[in-house]
């Protein structure tokens, strides 16, 4: 059976071309990175954290309890006809599990 170079997977690329393709792809990727680095501007920095305490004892909550907050407002209205489980009903359901 003679070897034909008809199919692409049977063709052999010379070593020089393999290296050339690899180097060109690498240079293209580096060039793209340099282009993006120099064309994209930095955004304005609007933050200023100043000096932040990093010791837990310096926190106001380190010695005092945090202020009590109210419950958040209900986001989903109650279903019509829904009723909460009573404690005795909860214990019956726990026994079933």
Protein backbone atom coordinates (compact mmCIF):
# COMPACT_ATOMS: atom_id res chain seq x y z
CA UNK A 1 0.00 0.00 0.00
CA UNK A 2 1.57 3.24 -1.09
CA UNK A 3 1.52 6.18 1.25
CA UNK A 4 -0.52 9.00 -0.19
CA UNK A 5 -0.45 12.53 1.16
CA UNK A 6 -4.10 13.03 0.24
CA UNK A 7 -5.50 13.51 3.76
CA UNK A 8 -4.50 16.39 6.05
CA UNK A 9 -3.63 14.20 9.02
CA UNK A 10 -1.08 12.31 6.90
CA UNK A 11 0.83 15.45 5.89
CA UNK A 12 3.97 16.24 7.85
CA UNK A 13 4.84 19.85 8.65
CA UNK A 14 8.57 20.62 8.69
CA UNK A 15 10.09 21.47 12.08
CA UNK A 16 10.90 25.03 11.04
CA UNK A 17 7.24 25.72 10.18
CA UNK A 18 6.10 24.20 13.48
CA UNK A 19 8.35 26.55 15.41
CA UNK A 20 7.36 29.50 13.24
CA UNK A 21 3.66 28.88 13.91
CA UNK A 22 4.30 28.55 17.64
CA UNK A 23 6.38 31.75 17.80
CA UNK A 24 3.87 33.73 15.70
CA UNK A 25 0.96 32.67 17.92
CA UNK A 26 2.92 33.60 21.04
CA UNK A 27 3.96 36.98 19.64
CA UNK A 28 0.37 37.63 18.56
CA UNK A 29 -0.90 36.93 22.07
CA UNK A 30 1.76 39.12 23.68
CA UNK A 31 1.10 41.86 21.12
CA UNK A 32 -2.63 41.75 21.85
CA UNK A 33 -1.91 42.11 25.57
CA UNK A 34 0.39 45.09 25.00
CA UNK A 35 -2.17 46.73 22.70
CA UNK A 36 -4.93 46.36 25.27
CA UNK A 37 -2.63 47.56 28.06
CA UNK A 38 -1.85 50.81 26.28
CA UNK A 39 -5.28 51.51 24.75
CA UNK A 40 -7.58 50.86 27.72
CA UNK A 41 -7.45 53.72 30.20
CA UNK A 42 -7.62 53.36 33.95
CA UNK A 43 -10.92 54.26 35.54
CA UNK A 44 -11.12 56.95 38.20
CA UNK A 45 -10.43 55.76 41.72
CA UNK A 46 -13.18 57.15 43.91
CA UNK A 47 -12.42 55.19 47.06
CA UNK A 48 -10.47 56.33 50.06
CA UNK A 49 -10.42 53.91 52.96
CA UNK A 50 -8.03 55.98 55.07
CA UNK A 51 -6.82 54.11 58.11
CA UNK A 52 -8.97 51.09 58.96
CA UNK A 53 -8.71 49.53 62.40
CA UNK A 54 -7.71 45.90 62.14
CA UNK A 55 -7.72 45.04 65.83
CA UNK A 56 -11.03 43.55 67.03
CA UNK A 57 -10.79 45.46 70.30
CA UNK A 58 -10.97 48.76 68.45
CA UNK A 59 -14.37 47.92 67.01
CA UNK A 60 -17.44 49.45 68.63
CA UNK A 61 -18.99 45.98 68.66
CA UNK A 62 -16.01 44.46 70.47
CA UNK A 63 -17.35 45.58 73.86
CA UNK A 64 -20.97 46.52 73.16
CA UNK A 65 -23.75 44.54 71.55
CA UNK A 66 -24.80 45.70 68.09
CA UNK A 67 -27.97 47.78 67.92
CA UNK A 68 -31.16 45.79 67.70
CA UNK A 69 -32.68 45.91 64.26
CA UNK A 70 -36.28 45.51 63.28
CA UNK A 71 -37.45 42.61 61.19
CA UNK A 72 -37.18 43.31 57.50
CA UNK A 73 -40.47 44.02 55.73
CA UNK A 74 -42.24 41.02 54.27
CA UNK A 75 -41.52 40.75 50.55
CA UNK A 76 -44.02 38.05 49.66
CA UNK A 77 -47.58 38.43 50.90
CA UNK A 78 -49.07 35.66 52.99
CA UNK A 79 -50.98 33.05 51.06
CA UNK A 80 -54.74 33.22 51.48
CA UNK A 81 -55.89 30.54 53.89
CA UNK A 82 -52.39 29.78 55.11
CA UNK A 83 -51.95 29.33 58.82
CA UNK A 84 -48.77 28.73 60.78
CA UNK A 85 -48.17 25.35 62.41
CA UNK A 86 -48.88 25.15 66.08
CA UNK A 87 -46.15 23.69 68.32
CA UNK A 88 -48.08 20.44 68.88
CA UNK A 89 -48.50 19.98 65.12
CA UNK A 90 -44.79 20.50 64.62
CA UNK A 91 -43.93 17.79 67.13
CA UNK A 92 -46.32 15.35 65.37
CA UNK A 93 -44.65 16.04 62.02
CA UNK A 94 -41.18 15.58 63.54
CA UNK A 95 -42.22 12.17 64.85
CA UNK A 96 -43.30 11.12 61.37
CA UNK A 97 -39.86 11.91 60.01
